[in-house]
Amino acid sequence: MNNHHFEYEITVMPEHLDQQAHVNNVVYVQWMQEIANRHWKSVNTGGPEDNAIWVVRRHEIDYLNQAMLHDRLLLRTWTGEHTTSTWYRHCEIIRMKDQKKIITSKSVWVLLNPATGRPKRIDEKMLQRFG
């Protein structure tokens, strides 16, 4: 497990809201996907070893508080435990004005070879990038 966090901020816009005027649960999943992609791109060196696809096997999300229109949110992610082809990714979304956690999540991501669609081994080089 490592402690390298990747984060960015976002402002809640009208298109993020549901009928109850708070952020729709589906939007949180989209943000989790987006921050995972941004994190991967931030450590991607462009070498042949980066020819890979990450797909989600499982999401586990705890909804702790609600985010509303114009709330400024901090999205944070980091990687955790791993196997030869899966990696746990943690995420939290925090409301900036009061530092309350909105969600926490733990997802299982699988590394695939894009040519075969089969799981690809997570090697030492990849582990070091997220460390």
Foldseek 3Di string as FASTA:
>chain_A
DDDDKDKDKDFAAPVQQDPVQWGDPVVVVVVVVVRVVVLLVVLDPPDPVSQKDKDWPDKDKDFDATHHHGFMKMKMKAWDDDDQFKTKMWIWIAGPVVRHTGMIMITIMGIARVVPRHGDTCDPVNVVSRD
